């Protein structure tokens, strides 16, 4: 079965950086798109970023463009989210997700093509 395990969350001051990692197992990693989502207290889960199976294509939520970078290492079955210039509004539980195909979707209605979810890692940005 698919397992996704996130790590790298923590407490950081505004303007700081964190790198999240997600180790995947259970399927041929390079065959599937991966994504990051987040859920702030009292809010709905929202899309953050996605990357295709090959790593050649990426897609970001507008508010994180230029600050966050999604990448993957298919040899290590791991996807990353480098987060720079963090803001208090980035505080949330961040979830890793794996798609059902090599390419991600573009619509919230189908969870941007994601099918499996990790348990999340908490990121807290202090002001």
Foldseek 3Di string as FASTA:
>chain_A
DKAKDKDWADEAAAQAKTKMKIAIDDDQQLFWKKFKWWDAPPGDIGGAKIAFSPRPDMDGDPVQPPFWDWGDDSVRNMIMIIGGRDDQVVWTWMKMFIAPGRAFADDVVCPRRTDDIHPTDTHGYHD
